[in-house]
Amino acid sequence: MGSYGRNVEFRVVPIEQQRRGRIVNDETTDIAIGAPFVVADAAPTDDYWTDAMPAKLATSAQAPKRGMCGIGIYEWIDLNQLDPEYFSYADRDLIPSKKQFQLISGPGVKVVFKNTPTSRMYMGIRNYKGRVMVAGMGATPTVKVGDYLSPGVGTDAAGYWATSTSANGWLHVTNVDPKRAEVEAEFIF
Protein backbone atom coordinates (compact mmCIF):
# COMPACT_ATOMS: atom_id res chain seq x y z
CA MET A 1 0.00 0.00 0.00
CA GLY A 2 1.42 3.38 -0.95
CA SER A 3 -1.19 5.84 0.37
CA TYR A 4 -1.95 6.50 4.03
CA GLY A 5 -4.84 8.90 4.41
CA ARG A 6 -5.06 12.30 2.79
CA ASN A 7 -1.67 13.56 3.91
CA VAL A 8 0.94 10.87 3.20
CA GLU A 9 1.84 8.61 0.30
CA PHE A 10 4.97 6.91 -0.92
CA ARG A 11 6.52 7.40 -4.36
CA VAL A 12 9.02 4.64 -3.55
CA VAL A 13 7.37 2.24 -1.09
CA PRO A 14 9.61 1.00 1.73
CA ILE A 15 10.70 -2.62 1.55
CA GLU A 16 10.52 -4.99 4.52
CA GLN A 17 13.96 -4.02 5.86
CA GLN A 18 12.92 -0.35 5.92
CA ARG A 19 9.83 -1.02 8.07
CA ARG A 20 10.76 -1.42 11.71
CA GLY A 21 8.02 -3.08 13.71
CA ARG A 22 7.33 -3.51 17.43
CA ILE A 23 7.31 0.22 17.99
CA VAL A 24 4.50 1.72 20.06
CA ASN A 25 3.06 5.25 20.10
CA ASP A 26 3.94 6.25 23.65
CA GLU A 27 2.09 9.56 23.41
CA THR A 28 -1.17 10.12 25.32
CA THR A 29 -2.91 11.27 22.13
CA ASP A 30 -3.33 9.93 18.62
CA ILE A 31 -0.68 11.26 16.22
CA ALA A 32 -0.93 11.91 12.47
CA ILE A 33 0.35 9.18 10.17
CA GLY A 34 3.55 10.49 8.55
CA ALA A 35 4.75 12.36 11.63
CA PRO A 36 8.38 11.97 12.75
CA PHE A 37 9.01 9.65 15.71
CA VAL A 38 12.07 8.93 17.85
CA VAL A 39 12.42 5.78 19.95
CA ALA A 40 12.29 7.10 23.50
CA ASP A 41 14.26 4.40 25.33
CA ALA A 42 16.85 1.83 24.34
CA ALA A 43 14.94 -0.92 26.18
CA PRO A 44 11.31 -2.03 26.02
CA THR A 45 9.08 -1.19 28.95
CA ASP A 46 6.86 -3.58 30.90
CA ASP A 47 3.79 -1.61 29.80
CA TYR A 48 3.51 -3.51 26.52
CA TRP A 49 3.24 -7.29 26.51
CA THR A 50 5.05 -7.53 23.17
CA ASP A 51 8.32 -5.91 24.32
CA ALA A 52 7.58 -3.09 21.88
CA MET A 53 9.90 -0.10 22.00
CA PRO A 54 8.15 3.14 23.08
CA ALA A 55 8.48 6.06 20.66
CA LYS A 56 7.65 9.73 21.07
CA LEU A 57 6.69 12.37 18.54
CA ALA A 58 9.79 14.31 17.48
CA THR A 59 9.04 18.02 17.88
CA SER A 60 12.29 19.81 17.14
CA ALA A 61 15.13 19.76 14.64
CA GLN A 62 17.57 17.02 15.56
CA ALA A 63 20.16 14.85 13.90
CA PRO A 64 18.76 11.50 12.77
CA LYS A 65 19.69 8.33 14.65
CA ARG A 66 19.75 5.34 12.30
CA GLY A 67 17.26 2.71 13.42
CA MET A 68 15.91 4.93 16.18
CA CYS A 69 13.83 7.44 14.20
CA GLY A 70 11.66 7.75 11.14
CA ILE A 71 8.13 8.25 9.87
CA GLY A 72 5.28 6.65 11.79
CA ILE A 73 2.88 4.53 9.69
CA TYR A 74 -0.18 2.72 11.03
CA GLU A 75 -2.04 0.33 8.77
CA TRP A 76 -5.72 0.15 9.62
CA ILE A 77 -6.97 -3.34 8.81
CA ASP A 78 -10.63 -2.88 9.67
CA LEU A 79 -13.43 -0.40 9.21
CA ASN A 80 -14.93 -1.02 12.64
CA GLN A 81 -17.83 1.39 13.29
CA LEU A 82 -17.56 2.84 9.77
CA ASP A 83 -19.92 2.27 6.86
CA PRO A 84 -17.82 0.63 4.10
CA GLU A 85 -20.06 2.21 1.46
CA TYR A 86 -18.76 5.66 2.41
CA PHE A 87 -15.45 5.07 4.19
CA SER A 88 -12.18 3.33 3.34
CA TYR A 89 -8.88 2.63 5.10
CA ALA A 90 -7.61 5.99 3.80
CA ASP A 91 -10.19 7.85 5.92
CA ARG A 92 -8.29 6.88 9.05
CA ASP A 93 -5.15 8.98 9.23
CA LEU A 94 -3.99 8.74 12.85
CA ILE A 95 -1.70 6.44 14.82
CA PRO A 96 -3.70 5.55 17.94
CA SER A 97 -2.15 6.21 21.33
CA LYS A 98 -0.51 3.15 22.92
CA LYS A 99 -0.79 1.10 19.70
CA GLN A 100 2.02 -0.48 17.71
CA PHE A 101 3.03 1.03 14.39
CA GLN A 102 5.81 0.82 11.80
CA LEU A 103 8.79 3.16 11.92
CA ILE A 104 9.86 3.84 8.32
CA SER A 105 13.33 4.96 7.25
CA GLY A 106 16.01 3.96 4.80
CA PRO A 107 17.84 5.31 1.76
CA GLY A 108 15.74 5.31 -1.37
CA VAL A 109 12.38 5.59 0.41
CA LYS A 110 10.54 8.51 -1.16
CA VAL A 111 7.52 10.04 0.58
CA VAL A 112 5.01 12.77 -0.32
CA PHE A 113 3.53 15.00 2.36
CA LYS A 114 0.29 16.80 1.47
CA ASN A 115 -0.92 19.83 3.36
CA THR A 116 -4.70 20.10 3.79
CA PRO A 117 -4.92 23.46 5.53
CA THR A 118 -8.69 23.81 5.84
CA SER A 119 -11.32 21.57 7.37
CA ARG A 120 -14.06 20.51 5.00
CA MET A 121 -17.09 18.29 4.70
CA TYR A 122 -17.29 15.54 2.09
CA MET A 123 -20.72 14.55 0.76
CA GLY A 124 -22.24 15.86 3.99
CA ILE A 125 -21.10 12.76 5.90
CA ARG A 126 -17.43 13.20 6.73
CA ASN A 127 -15.67 16.11 8.30
CA TYR A 128 -12.03 16.16 7.27
CA LYS A 129 -9.75 18.08 9.59
CA GLY A 130 -7.14 20.37 8.06
CA ARG A 131 -3.51 19.37 8.62
CA VAL A 132 -0.15 20.97 7.85
CA MET A 133 2.44 18.27 7.30
CA VAL A 134 5.26 20.57 6.13
CA ALA A 135 5.59 24.11 7.47
CA GLY A 136 6.25 26.74 4.83
CA MET A 137 4.20 25.07 2.12
CA GLY A 138 1.49 27.40 0.86
CA ALA A 139 0.63 29.74 -1.99
CA THR A 140 4.18 31.10 -1.94
CA PRO A 141 6.19 28.23 -0.47
CA THR A 142 9.42 28.74 1.41
CA VAL A 143 10.25 25.04 0.96
CA LYS A 144 12.25 24.37 -2.20
CA VAL A 145 13.95 21.50 -3.99
CA GLY A 146 17.28 20.75 -2.33
CA ASP A 147 16.14 21.69 1.18
CA TYR A 148 16.36 19.27 4.10
CA LEU A 149 13.41 18.34 6.30
CA SER A 150 13.67 17.67 10.01
CA PRO A 151 10.98 17.36 12.70
CA GLY A 152 9.01 20.57 13.15
CA VAL A 153 6.69 21.82 15.88
CA GLY A 154 4.58 18.67 15.75
CA THR A 155 1.01 19.93 15.45
CA ASP A 156 -1.68 19.89 12.78
CA ALA A 157 -1.66 23.70 12.66
CA ALA A 158 2.12 24.40 12.70
CA GLY A 159 3.36 21.32 10.84
CA TYR A 160 5.13 18.08 11.64
CA TRP A 161 8.09 18.75 9.33
CA ALA A 162 10.15 21.91 8.73
CA THR A 163 13.17 22.90 6.66
CA SER A 164 16.46 22.36 8.41
CA THR A 165 20.21 22.15 7.98
CA SER A 166 21.93 19.17 6.40
CA ALA A 167 23.26 18.16 9.85
CA ASN A 168 19.69 17.75 11.16
CA GLY A 169 18.11 16.64 7.88
CA TRP A 170 16.11 13.41 7.84
CA LEU A 171 14.76 13.90 4.31
CA HIS A 172 16.00 15.64 1.17
CA VAL A 173 13.33 17.56 -0.81
CA THR A 174 13.10 16.36 -4.42
CA ASN A 175 9.92 18.11 -5.60
CA VAL A 176 7.58 20.91 -4.49
CA ASP A 177 4.10 21.35 -5.97
CA PRO A 178 2.46 24.53 -4.59
CA LYS A 179 -0.80 23.98 -6.51
CA ARG A 180 -1.35 20.64 -4.83
CA ALA A 181 0.38 21.69 -1.56
CA GLU A 182 2.72 18.69 -1.82
CA VAL A 183 6.33 18.16 -0.83
CA GLU A 184 8.15 15.06 -2.12
CA ALA A 185 11.26 14.03 -0.21
CA GLU A 186 13.68 11.12 0.05
CA PHE A 187 15.26 9.68 3.19
CA ILE A 188 18.98 10.35 3.54
CA PHE A 189 19.67 7.71 6.20
C-alpha atoms as a PDB file:
ATOM      1  CA  MET A   1       0.000   0.000   0.000  1.00  0.00           C
ATOM      2  CA  GLY A   2       1.421   3.380  -0.955  1.00  0.00           C
ATOM      3  CA  SER A   3      -1.193   5.842   0.372  1.00  0.00           C
ATOM      4  CA  TYR A   4      -1.953   6.504   4.027  1.00  0.00           C
ATOM      5  CA  GLY A   5      -4.845   8.905   4.410  1.00  0.00           C
ATOM      6  CA  ARG A   6      -5.058  12.296   2.787  1.00  0.00           C
ATOM      7  CA  ASN A   7      -1.666  13.563   3.913  1.00  0.00           C
ATOM      8  CA  VAL A   8       0.939  10.875   3.198  1.00  0.00           C
ATOM      9  CA  GLU A   9       1.839   8.613   0.303  1.00  0.00           C
ATOM     10  CA  PHE A  10       4.971   6.914  -0.921  1.00  0.00           C
ATOM     11  CA  ARG A  11       6.519   7.399  -4.362  1.00  0.00           C
ATOM     12  CA  VAL A  12       9.016   4.641  -3.552  1.00  0.00           C
ATOM     13  CA  VAL A  13       7.375   2.240  -1.094  1.00  0.00           C
ATOM     14  CA  PRO A  14       9.608   0.996   1.729  1.00  0.00           C
ATOM     15  CA  ILE A  15      10.699  -2.622   1.553  1.00  0.00           C
ATOM     16  CA  GLU A  16      10.516  -4.993   4.521  1.00  0.00           C
ATOM     17  CA  GLN A  17      13.959  -4.023   5.856  1.00  0.00           C
ATOM     18  CA  GLN A  18      12.922  -0.348   5.924  1.00  0.00           C
ATOM     19  CA  ARG A  19       9.827  -1.019   8.069  1.00  0.00           C
ATOM     20  CA  ARG A  20      10.756  -1.416  11.705  1.00  0.00           C
ATOM     21  CA  GLY A  21       8.022  -3.085  13.714  1.00  0.00           C
ATOM     22  CA  ARG A  22       7.333  -3.510  17.431  1.00  0.00           C
ATOM     23  CA  ILE A  23       7.313   0.224  17.986  1.00  0.00           C
ATOM     24  CA  VAL A  24       4.498   1.716  20.063  1.00  0.00           C
ATOM     25  CA  ASN A  25       3.058   5.253  20.098  1.00  0.00           C
ATOM     26  CA  ASP A  26       3.944   6.252  23.654  1.00  0.00           C
ATOM     27  CA  GLU A  27       2.093   9.562  23.410  1.00  0.00           C
ATOM     28  CA  THR A  28      -1.167  10.121  25.318  1.00  0.00           C
ATOM     29  CA  THR A  29      -2.914  11.266  22.132  1.00  0.00           C
ATOM     30  CA  ASP A  30      -3.328   9.928  18.617  1.00  0.00           C
ATOM     31  CA  ILE A  31      -0.677  11.260  16.219  1.00  0.00           C
ATOM     32  CA  ALA A  32      -0.930  11.911  12.469  1.00  0.00           C
ATOM     33  CA  ILE A  33       0.350   9.183  10.174  1.00  0.00           C
ATOM     34  CA  GLY A  34       3.549  10.486   8.552  1.00  0.00           C
ATOM     35  CA  ALA A  35       4.750  12.360  11.626  1.00  0.00           C
ATOM     36  CA  PRO A  36       8.379  11.968  12.755  1.00  0.00           C
ATOM     37  CA  PHE A  37       9.008   9.653  15.708  1.00  0.00           C
ATOM     38  CA  VAL A  38      12.070   8.928  17.846  1.00  0.00           C
ATOM     39  CA  VAL A  39      12.418   5.783  19.947  1.00  0.00           C
ATOM     40  CA  ALA A  40      12.293   7.097  23.501  1.00  0.00           C
ATOM     41  CA  ASP A  41      14.262   4.404  25.326  1.00  0.00           C
ATOM     42  CA  ALA A  42      16.852   1.828  24.338  1.00  0.00           C
ATOM     43  CA  ALA A  43      14.940  -0.919  26.178  1.00  0.00           C
ATOM     44  CA  PRO A  44      11.310  -2.034  26.016  1.00  0.00           C
ATOM     45  CA  THR A  45       9.076  -1.191  28.954  1.00  0.00           C
ATOM     46  CA  ASP A  46       6.865  -3.576  30.899  1.00  0.00           C
ATOM     47  CA  ASP A  47       3.791  -1.613  29.803  1.00  0.00           C
ATOM     48  CA  TYR A  48       3.514  -3.511  26.520  1.00  0.00           C
ATOM     49  CA  TRP A  49       3.243  -7.292  26.507  1.00  0.00           C
ATOM     50  CA  THR A  50       5.054  -7.530  23.172  1.00  0.00           C
ATOM     51  CA  ASP A  51       8.321  -5.905  24.318  1.00  0.00           C
ATOM     52  CA  ALA A  52       7.584  -3.090  21.883  1.00  0.00           C
ATOM     53  CA  MET A  53       9.896  -0.097  22.001  1.00  0.00           C
ATOM     54  CA  PRO A  54       8.148   3.135  23.075  1.00  0.00           C
ATOM     55  CA  ALA A  55       8.483   6.060  20.665  1.00  0.00           C
ATOM     56  CA  LYS A  56       7.646   9.731  21.071  1.00  0.00           C
ATOM     57  CA  LEU A  57       6.688  12.366  18.537  1.00  0.00           C
ATOM     58  CA  ALA A  58       9.790  14.308  17.480  1.00  0.00           C
ATOM     59  CA  THR A  59       9.038  18.017  17.883  1.00  0.00           C
ATOM     60  CA  SER A  60      12.291  19.812  17.145  1.00  0.00           C
ATOM     61  CA  ALA A  61      15.132  19.764  14.640  1.00  0.00           C
ATOM     62  CA  GLN A  62      17.572  17.021  15.564  1.00  0.00           C
ATOM     63  CA  ALA A  63      20.158  14.850  13.902  1.00  0.00           C
ATOM     64  CA  PRO A  64      18.759  11.498  12.772  1.00  0.00           C
ATOM     65  CA  LYS A  65      19.689   8.328  14.646  1.00  0.00           C
ATOM     66  CA  ARG A  66      19.745   5.336  12.303  1.00  0.00           C
ATOM     67  CA  GLY A  67      17.260   2.706  13.418  1.00  0.00           C
ATOM     68  CA  MET A  68      15.906   4.928  16.183  1.00  0.00           C
ATOM     69  CA  CYS A  69      13.832   7.442  14.202  1.00  0.00           C
ATOM     70  CA  GLY A  70      11.658   7.747  11.142  1.00  0.00           C
ATOM     71  CA  ILE A  71       8.126   8.254   9.871  1.00  0.00           C
ATOM     72  CA  GLY A  72       5.276   6.645  11.786  1.00  0.00           C
ATOM     73  CA  ILE A  73       2.883   4.535   9.693  1.00  0.00           C
ATOM     74  CA  TYR A  74      -0.176   2.725  11.030  1.00  0.00           C
ATOM     75  CA  GLU A  75      -2.041   0.328   8.773  1.00  0.00           C
ATOM     76  CA  TRP A  76      -5.724   0.148   9.624  1.00  0.00           C
ATOM     77  CA  ILE A  77      -6.973  -3.344   8.807  1.00  0.00           C
ATOM     78  CA  ASP A  78     -10.626  -2.878   9.669  1.00  0.00           C
ATOM     79  CA  LEU A  79     -13.428  -0.398   9.209  1.00  0.00           C
ATOM     80  CA  ASN A  80     -14.932  -1.021  12.638  1.00  0.00           C
ATOM     81  CA  GLN A  81     -17.825   1.392  13.288  1.00  0.00           C
ATOM     82  CA  LEU A  82     -17.559   2.839   9.768  1.00  0.00           C
ATOM     83  CA  ASP A  83     -19.924   2.270   6.860  1.00  0.00           C
ATOM     84  CA  PRO A  84     -17.816   0.629   4.098  1.00  0.00           C
ATOM     85  CA  GLU A  85     -20.063   2.206   1.458  1.00  0.00           C
ATOM     86  CA  TYR A  86     -18.765   5.658   2.414  1.00  0.00           C
ATOM     87  CA  PHE A  87     -15.447   5.074   4.186  1.00  0.00           C
ATOM     88  CA  SER A  88     -12.184   3.333   3.340  1.00  0.00           C
ATOM     89  CA  TYR A  89      -8.882   2.631   5.100  1.00  0.00           C
ATOM     90  CA  ALA A  90      -7.613   5.988   3.797  1.00  0.00           C
ATOM     91  CA  ASP A  91     -10.186   7.852   5.917  1.00  0.00           C
ATOM     92  CA  ARG A  92      -8.292   6.884   9.047  1.00  0.00           C
ATOM     93  CA  ASP A  93      -5.152   8.976   9.234  1.00  0.00           C
ATOM     94  CA  LEU A  94      -3.993   8.738  12.851  1.00  0.00           C
ATOM     95  CA  ILE A  95      -1.704   6.438  14.822  1.00  0.00           C
ATOM     96  CA  PRO A  96      -3.697   5.548  17.941  1.00  0.00           C
ATOM     97  CA  SER A  97      -2.151   6.209  21.334  1.00  0.00           C
ATOM     98  CA  LYS A  98      -0.507   3.149  22.920  1.00  0.00           C
ATOM     99  CA  LYS A  99      -0.795   1.102  19.699  1.00  0.00           C
ATOM    100  CA  GLN A 100       2.016  -0.478  17.710  1.00  0.00           C
ATOM    101  CA  PHE A 101       3.030   1.026  14.386  1.00  0.00           C
ATOM    102  CA  GLN A 102       5.809   0.824  11.801  1.00  0.00           C
ATOM    103  CA  LEU A 103       8.793   3.163  11.924  1.00  0.00           C
ATOM    104  CA  ILE A 104       9.856   3.835   8.323  1.00  0.00           C
ATOM    105  CA  SER A 105      13.327   4.964   7.248  1.00  0.00           C
ATOM    106  CA  GLY A 106      16.011   3.962   4.796  1.00  0.00           C
ATOM    107  CA  PRO A 107      17.841   5.310   1.763  1.00  0.00           C
ATOM    108  CA  GLY A 108      15.739   5.308  -1.369  1.00  0.00           C
ATOM    109  CA  VAL A 109      12.379   5.594   0.412  1.00  0.00           C
ATOM    110  CA  LYS A 110      10.542   8.514  -1.155  1.00  0.00           C
ATOM    111  CA  VAL A 111       7.516  10.045   0.579  1.00  0.00           C
ATOM    112  CA  VAL A 112       5.013  12.769  -0.323  1.00  0.00           C
ATOM    113  CA  PHE A 113       3.531  14.998   2.358  1.00  0.00           C
ATOM    114  CA  LYS A 114       0.289  16.800   1.468  1.00  0.00           C
ATOM    115  CA  ASN A 115      -0.925  19.827   3.363  1.00  0.00           C
ATOM    116  CA  THR A 116      -4.699  20.101   3.787  1.00  0.00           C
ATOM    117  CA  PRO A 117      -4.918  23.462   5.535  1.00  0.00           C
ATOM    118  CA  THR A 118      -8.694  23.809   5.844  1.00  0.00           C
ATOM    119  CA  SER A 119     -11.318  21.573   7.372  1.00  0.00           C
ATOM    120  CA  ARG A 120     -14.063  20.514   5.004  1.00  0.00           C
ATOM    121  CA  MET A 121     -17.093  18.286   4.696  1.00  0.00           C
ATOM    122  CA  TYR A 122     -17.292  15.538   2.086  1.00  0.00           C
ATOM    123  CA  MET A 123     -20.718  14.551   0.764  1.00  0.00           C
ATOM    124  CA  GLY A 124     -22.238  15.859   3.991  1.00  0.00           C
ATOM    125  CA  ILE A 125     -21.104  12.763   5.903  1.00  0.00           C
ATOM    126  CA  ARG A 126     -17.430  13.204   6.729  1.00  0.00           C
ATOM    127  CA  ASN A 127     -15.666  16.112   8.298  1.00  0.00           C
ATOM    128  CA  TYR A 128     -12.028  16.162   7.266  1.00  0.00           C
ATOM    129  CA  LYS A 129      -9.746  18.075   9.594  1.00  0.00           C
ATOM    130  CA  GLY A 130      -7.140  20.373   8.065  1.00  0.00           C
ATOM    131  CA  ARG A 131      -3.513  19.374   8.622  1.00  0.00           C
ATOM    132  CA  VAL A 132      -0.155  20.973   7.848  1.00  0.00           C
ATOM    133  CA  MET A 133       2.442  18.269   7.304  1.00  0.00           C
ATOM    134  CA  VAL A 134       5.256  20.573   6.131  1.00  0.00           C
ATOM    135  CA  ALA A 135       5.588  24.108   7.474  1.00  0.00           C
ATOM    136  CA  GLY A 136       6.254  26.742   4.826  1.00  0.00           C
ATOM    137  CA  MET A 137       4.196  25.065   2.118  1.00  0.00           C
ATOM    138  CA  GLY A 138       1.494  27.401   0.865  1.00  0.00           C
ATOM    139  CA  ALA A 139       0.629  29.743  -1.994  1.00  0.00           C
ATOM    140  CA  THR A 140       4.181  31.105  -1.943  1.00  0.00           C
ATOM    141  CA  PRO A 141       6.192  28.227  -0.471  1.00  0.00           C
ATOM    142  CA  THR A 142       9.421  28.736   1.408  1.00  0.00           C
ATOM    143  CA  VAL A 143      10.251  25.041   0.959  1.00  0.00           C
ATOM    144  CA  LYS A 144      12.250  24.367  -2.199  1.00  0.00           C
ATOM    145  CA  VAL A 145      13.949  21.501  -3.995  1.00  0.00           C
ATOM    146  CA  GLY A 146      17.282  20.749  -2.327  1.00  0.00           C
ATOM    147  CA  ASP A 147      16.143  21.687   1.184  1.00  0.00           C
ATOM    148  CA  TYR A 148      16.359  19.266   4.099  1.00  0.00           C
ATOM    149  CA  LEU A 149      13.410  18.337   6.303  1.00  0.00           C
ATOM    150  CA  SER A 150      13.669  17.666  10.010  1.00  0.00           C
ATOM    151  CA  PRO A 151      10.979  17.362  12.703  1.00  0.00           C
ATOM    152  CA  GLY A 152       9.006  20.569  13.149  1.00  0.00           C
ATOM    153  CA  VAL A 153       6.687  21.825  15.882  1.00  0.00           C
ATOM    154  CA  GLY A 154       4.581  18.669  15.753  1.00  0.00           C
ATOM    155  CA  THR A 155       1.013  19.934  15.446  1.00  0.00           C
ATOM    156  CA  ASP A 156      -1.681  19.888  12.783  1.00  0.00           C
ATOM    157  CA  ALA A 157      -1.655  23.698  12.655  1.00  0.00           C
ATOM    158  CA  ALA A 158       2.116  24.403  12.700  1.00  0.00           C
ATOM    159  CA  GLY A 159       3.365  21.322  10.843  1.00  0.00           C
ATOM    160  CA  TYR A 160       5.130  18.080  11.638  1.00  0.00           C
ATOM    161  CA  TRP A 161       8.092  18.752   9.335  1.00  0.00           C
ATOM    162  CA  ALA A 162      10.150  21.910   8.729  1.00  0.00           C
ATOM    163  CA  THR A 163      13.167  22.895   6.663  1.00  0.00           C
ATOM    164  CA  SER A 164      16.464  22.363   8.412  1.00  0.00           C
ATOM    165  CA  THR A 165      20.214  22.147   7.985  1.00  0.00           C
ATOM    166  CA  SER A 166      21.933  19.171   6.401  1.00  0.00           C
ATOM    167  CA  ALA A 167      23.256  18.158   9.847  1.00  0.00           C
ATOM    168  CA  ASN A 168      19.686  17.751  11.160  1.00  0.00           C
ATOM    169  CA  GLY A 169      18.107  16.639   7.883  1.00  0.00           C
ATOM    170  CA  TRP A 170      16.107  13.413   7.838  1.00  0.00           C
ATOM    171  CA  LEU A 171      14.758  13.902   4.312  1.00  0.00           C
ATOM    172  CA  HIS A 172      16.004  15.636   1.171  1.00  0.00           C
ATOM    173  CA  VAL A 173      13.328  17.564  -0.806  1.00  0.00           C
ATOM    174  CA  THR A 174      13.104  16.361  -4.421  1.00  0.00           C
ATOM    175  CA  ASN A 175       9.922  18.115  -5.603  1.00  0.00           C
ATOM    176  CA  VAL A 176       7.576  20.908  -4.485  1.00  0.00           C
ATOM    177  CA  ASP A 177       4.098  21.353  -5.971  1.00  0.00           C
ATOM    178  CA  PRO A 178       2.464  24.534  -4.586  1.00  0.00           C
ATOM    179  CA  LYS A 179      -0.796  23.977  -6.513  1.00  0.00           C
ATOM    180  CA  ARG A 180      -1.355  20.636  -4.825  1.00  0.00           C
ATOM    181  CA  ALA A 181       0.377  21.689  -1.562  1.00  0.00           C
ATOM    182  CA  GLU A 182       2.722  18.689  -1.817  1.00  0.00           C
ATOM    183  CA  VAL A 183       6.333  18.163  -0.828  1.00  0.00           C
ATOM    184  CA  GLU A 184       8.151  15.063  -2.116  1.00  0.00           C
ATOM    185  CA  ALA A 185      11.256  14.034  -0.205  1.00  0.00           C
ATOM    186  CA  GLU A 186      13.682  11.122   0.051  1.00  0.00           C
ATOM    187  CA  PHE A 187      15.262   9.685   3.191  1.00  0.00           C
ATOM    188  CA  ILE A 188      18.977  10.352   3.541  1.00  0.00           C
ATOM    189  CA  PHE A 189      19.665   7.711   6.202  1.00  0.00           C
END
